Amino acid sequence: MTLHVETDGSALRQITADASPYFRSSRADEGLLKWVNDVQGGGRWDMAWRTDTPTSFRYTRDMRLPAVDRPNDTGQLTIVDVVSNPLSLYTTYTWHEEVNFVYHSETDPCAANAAGKELTYRVEMPGTVTDASIQGGGSSETERNCAVFKVSADTAEHTITVTAQRLRWGYLLLVLYIVAFVAYQVLTALGRAASRRPRKI
């Protein structure tokens, strides 16, 4: 599963299931699609497509989340921008989400534990990831603007948190322009003052 967070607080969620070519049969095909559809992602799945290769069979679905900068079933994105922190050169994005598994029988957690089953969850942020953590069972890795979680399926409830920072280039250029303009005005004023001084003969 992948969540791609945009700078404006919207997001694109995608889930992909890979299976053996055996699952191309109609009944197995329907079962795999049903599993992907049963995943709750905080909204209605918008599109679905399949990819067949000689060695794999893949189903993919995606949904567009127009605003994740307020609490909802999906999670919450907190944005600390120039309005919230005008002195910072960075905009900070923090994504907080509950990831839960629903078991159909009491033996499912034991089976998941024995098989080492896990969900690979990739969260792509609009800036460099500075921190990524998971509670409830699993691991996390970070690389530039991405955090990859291995969410263990033998525990029902998990909490993930990702923090990223994005340099405010426009704000930085504005500050540099103001500083350069003030410096230019000061130097010009000093030059004029020096030229007006009476010269000793």
Protein backbone atom coordinates (compact mmCIF):
# COMPACT_ATOMS: atom_id res chain seq x y z
CA MET A 1 0.00 0.00 0.00
CA THR A 2 1.24 3.51 -0.84
CA LEU A 3 0.20 6.97 0.33
CA HIS A 4 1.53 9.96 -1.62
CA VAL A 5 1.00 13.23 0.28
CA GLU A 6 0.93 16.48 -1.71
CA THR A 7 2.07 19.92 -0.53
CA ASP A 8 -1.52 21.21 -0.39
CA GLY A 9 -2.70 18.52 2.04
CA SER A 10 -4.33 16.21 -0.52
CA ALA A 11 -3.14 12.65 -1.03
CA LEU A 12 -3.26 9.67 -3.37
CA ARG A 13 -3.63 6.22 -1.81
CA GLN A 14 -2.91 3.07 -3.80
CA ILE A 15 -3.06 -0.60 -2.94
CA THR A 16 -1.48 -3.34 -5.03
CA ALA A 17 -1.80 -7.11 -4.67
CA ASP A 18 0.60 -9.45 -6.46
CA ALA A 19 -0.22 -13.10 -6.99
CA SER A 20 0.80 -16.14 -8.98
CA PRO A 21 -0.45 -16.50 -12.60
CA TYR A 22 -2.62 -19.33 -11.21
CA PHE A 23 -4.98 -16.63 -9.89
CA ARG A 24 -5.96 -15.60 -13.41
CA SER A 25 -8.86 -18.06 -13.23
CA SER A 26 -12.22 -16.35 -12.81
CA ARG A 27 -12.98 -17.49 -9.25
CA ALA A 28 -9.49 -16.73 -7.93
CA ASP A 29 -9.54 -13.48 -9.88
CA GLU A 30 -12.73 -12.41 -8.12
CA GLY A 31 -11.30 -13.41 -4.74
CA LEU A 32 -8.19 -11.29 -5.18
CA LEU A 33 -10.21 -8.30 -6.35
CA LYS A 34 -12.59 -8.72 -3.39
CA TRP A 35 -9.63 -8.70 -0.99
CA VAL A 36 -8.32 -5.46 -2.49
CA ASN A 37 -11.81 -3.92 -2.35
CA ASP A 38 -12.23 -4.93 1.30
CA VAL A 39 -9.24 -2.82 2.33
CA GLN A 40 -10.59 0.37 3.92
CA GLY A 41 -8.46 3.39 3.03
CA GLY A 42 -10.52 6.30 4.30
CA GLY A 43 -12.49 6.87 1.11
CA ARG A 44 -14.03 5.29 -1.98
CA TRP A 45 -11.68 3.49 -4.35
CA ASP A 46 -11.79 5.40 -7.63
CA MET A 47 -10.00 3.24 -10.18
CA ALA A 48 -8.92 -0.37 -10.61
CA TRP A 49 -6.68 -2.08 -13.14
CA ARG A 50 -4.84 -5.33 -13.59
CA THR A 51 -1.47 -6.24 -15.04
CA ASP A 52 -0.58 -9.70 -16.35
CA THR A 53 2.92 -10.98 -16.96
CA PRO A 54 4.17 -14.54 -17.53
CA THR A 55 5.28 -14.75 -13.89
CA SER A 56 2.83 -12.58 -11.95
CA PHE A 57 -0.72 -11.29 -11.72
CA ARG A 58 -1.34 -7.86 -10.21
CA TYR A 59 -4.42 -5.93 -9.11
CA THR A 60 -4.17 -2.22 -8.28
CA ARG A 61 -6.71 0.28 -6.95
CA ASP A 62 -6.34 3.93 -6.06
CA MET A 63 -8.26 6.75 -4.41
CA ARG A 64 -7.81 10.50 -4.25
CA LEU A 65 -8.12 12.05 -0.78
CA PRO A 66 -8.85 15.77 -1.30
CA ALA A 67 -7.94 16.92 2.22
CA VAL A 68 -6.05 14.93 4.85
CA ASP A 69 -5.06 18.03 6.84
CA ARG A 70 -7.97 17.45 9.22
CA PRO A 71 -8.92 14.38 11.30
CA ASN A 72 -10.73 11.61 9.38
CA ASP A 73 -10.91 7.83 9.15
CA THR A 74 -7.69 7.74 7.17
CA GLY A 75 -5.45 9.69 9.50
CA GLN A 76 -4.35 13.25 10.02
CA LEU A 77 -1.80 15.47 8.34
CA THR A 78 -0.49 18.42 10.35
CA ILE A 79 1.16 21.21 8.38
CA VAL A 80 3.29 23.86 10.13
CA ASP A 81 3.83 26.50 7.47
CA VAL A 82 4.94 30.14 7.32
CA VAL A 83 1.66 31.26 8.92
CA SER A 84 2.15 28.98 11.94
CA ASN A 85 5.90 29.50 12.26
CA PRO A 86 7.02 32.58 10.27
CA LEU A 87 10.66 32.43 11.44
CA SER A 88 11.34 28.90 10.22
CA LEU A 89 12.88 28.26 6.82
CA TYR A 90 11.05 24.92 6.60
CA THR A 91 7.46 23.75 6.25
CA THR A 92 6.92 20.71 8.48
CA TYR A 93 4.50 17.92 7.57
CA THR A 94 3.48 15.26 10.12
CA TRP A 95 1.35 12.28 9.10
CA HIS A 96 -0.32 10.27 11.89
CA GLU A 97 -2.43 7.19 11.14
CA GLU A 98 -3.96 4.12 12.72
CA VAL A 99 -3.38 0.94 10.68
CA ASN A 100 -5.55 -1.97 11.80
CA PHE A 101 -6.11 -5.56 10.72
CA VAL A 102 -9.53 -7.23 10.91
CA TYR A 103 -9.38 -10.95 11.69
CA HIS A 104 -12.03 -13.40 10.48
CA SER A 105 -11.16 -16.03 13.08
CA GLU A 106 -9.37 -16.30 16.41
CA THR A 107 -6.55 -18.30 14.81
CA ASP A 108 -5.67 -15.59 12.27
CA PRO A 109 -3.12 -13.77 14.50
CA CYS A 110 -1.32 -17.04 15.25
CA ALA A 111 -1.27 -17.99 11.57
CA ALA A 112 0.05 -14.54 10.63
CA ASN A 113 2.74 -14.80 13.29
CA ALA A 114 3.79 -18.27 12.17
CA ALA A 115 3.90 -17.24 8.50
CA GLY A 116 5.60 -13.91 9.21
CA LYS A 117 2.94 -12.06 7.22
CA GLU A 118 3.23 -8.29 7.00
CA LEU A 119 1.88 -5.32 5.08
CA THR A 120 4.39 -3.16 3.23
CA TYR A 121 3.20 0.42 3.59
CA ARG A 122 5.04 3.19 1.72
CA VAL A 123 4.37 6.81 2.75
CA GLU A 124 5.74 9.48 0.37
CA MET A 125 5.92 12.96 1.89
CA PRO A 126 6.34 16.39 0.20
CA GLY A 127 9.73 16.89 1.84
CA THR A 128 12.70 15.09 3.37
CA VAL A 129 11.60 12.57 6.01
CA THR A 130 13.21 13.41 9.35
CA ASP A 131 11.43 10.83 11.53
CA ALA A 132 9.34 7.68 11.04
CA SER A 133 8.01 5.46 13.81
CA ILE A 134 5.56 2.59 14.24
CA GLN A 135 3.87 1.30 17.37
CA GLY A 136 2.21 -2.08 17.63
CA GLY A 137 4.66 -4.29 15.77
CA GLY A 138 6.78 -3.77 12.70
CA SER A 139 9.73 -1.79 11.41
CA SER A 140 10.41 1.36 9.43
CA GLU A 141 13.04 2.62 7.00
CA THR A 142 13.50 6.09 5.55
CA GLU A 143 15.00 7.32 2.29
CA ARG A 144 14.79 10.97 1.27
CA ASN A 145 11.06 11.80 1.06
CA CYS A 146 9.82 8.26 1.70
CA ALA A 147 9.16 6.08 4.77
CA VAL A 148 8.58 2.33 4.28
CA PHE A 149 6.82 0.43 7.06
CA LYS A 150 6.70 -3.34 7.48
CA VAL A 151 3.46 -3.69 9.45
CA SER A 152 3.20 -7.04 11.22
CA ALA A 153 -0.14 -8.79 10.60
CA ASP A 154 -0.08 -10.71 13.90
CA THR A 155 -1.03 -7.54 15.82
CA ALA A 156 -4.40 -5.93 15.21
CA GLU A 157 -3.65 -2.27 15.97
CA HIS A 158 -0.73 -0.13 14.83
CA THR A 159 0.11 3.56 14.87
CA ILE A 160 2.49 5.14 12.38
CA THR A 161 3.91 8.65 12.43
CA VAL A 162 5.99 10.30 9.70
CA THR A 163 7.55 13.77 9.89
CA ALA A 164 9.07 15.57 6.92
CA GLN A 165 10.48 19.03 6.22
CA ARG A 166 10.43 21.05 3.00
CA LEU A 167 12.59 24.12 2.45
CA ARG A 168 10.56 27.26 1.78
CA TRP A 169 12.40 28.42 -1.34
CA GLY A 170 10.03 31.30 -2.07
CA TYR A 171 10.18 32.50 1.52
CA LEU A 172 13.97 32.13 1.57
CA LEU A 173 14.36 34.13 -1.67
CA LEU A 174 12.07 36.84 -0.31
CA VAL A 175 14.16 37.12 2.88
CA LEU A 176 17.40 37.26 0.84
CA TYR A 177 15.90 39.96 -1.39
CA ILE A 178 14.86 42.06 1.62
CA VAL A 179 18.30 41.67 3.24
CA ALA A 180 20.05 42.58 -0.02
CA PHE A 181 17.76 45.61 -0.53
CA VAL A 182 18.38 46.89 3.02
CA ALA A 183 22.13 46.36 2.65
CA TYR A 184 22.08 48.24 -0.67
CA GLN A 185 20.17 51.16 0.87
CA VAL A 186 22.56 51.35 3.84
CA LEU A 187 25.64 51.28 1.63
CA THR A 188 24.13 53.93 -0.66
CA ALA A 189 23.32 56.16 2.33
CA LEU A 190 26.85 55.77 3.70
CA GLY A 191 28.28 56.65 0.29
CA ARG A 192 26.18 59.79 0.08
CA ALA A 193 27.12 60.82 3.62
CA ALA A 194 30.80 60.34 2.81
CA SER A 195 30.56 62.45 -0.36
CA ARG A 196 28.91 65.33 1.55
CA ARG A 197 31.65 65.66 4.13
CA PRO A 198 33.74 68.82 3.73
CA ARG A 199 37.21 68.07 2.47
CA LYS A 200 40.24 69.42 4.27
CA ILE A 201 42.44 71.72 2.15
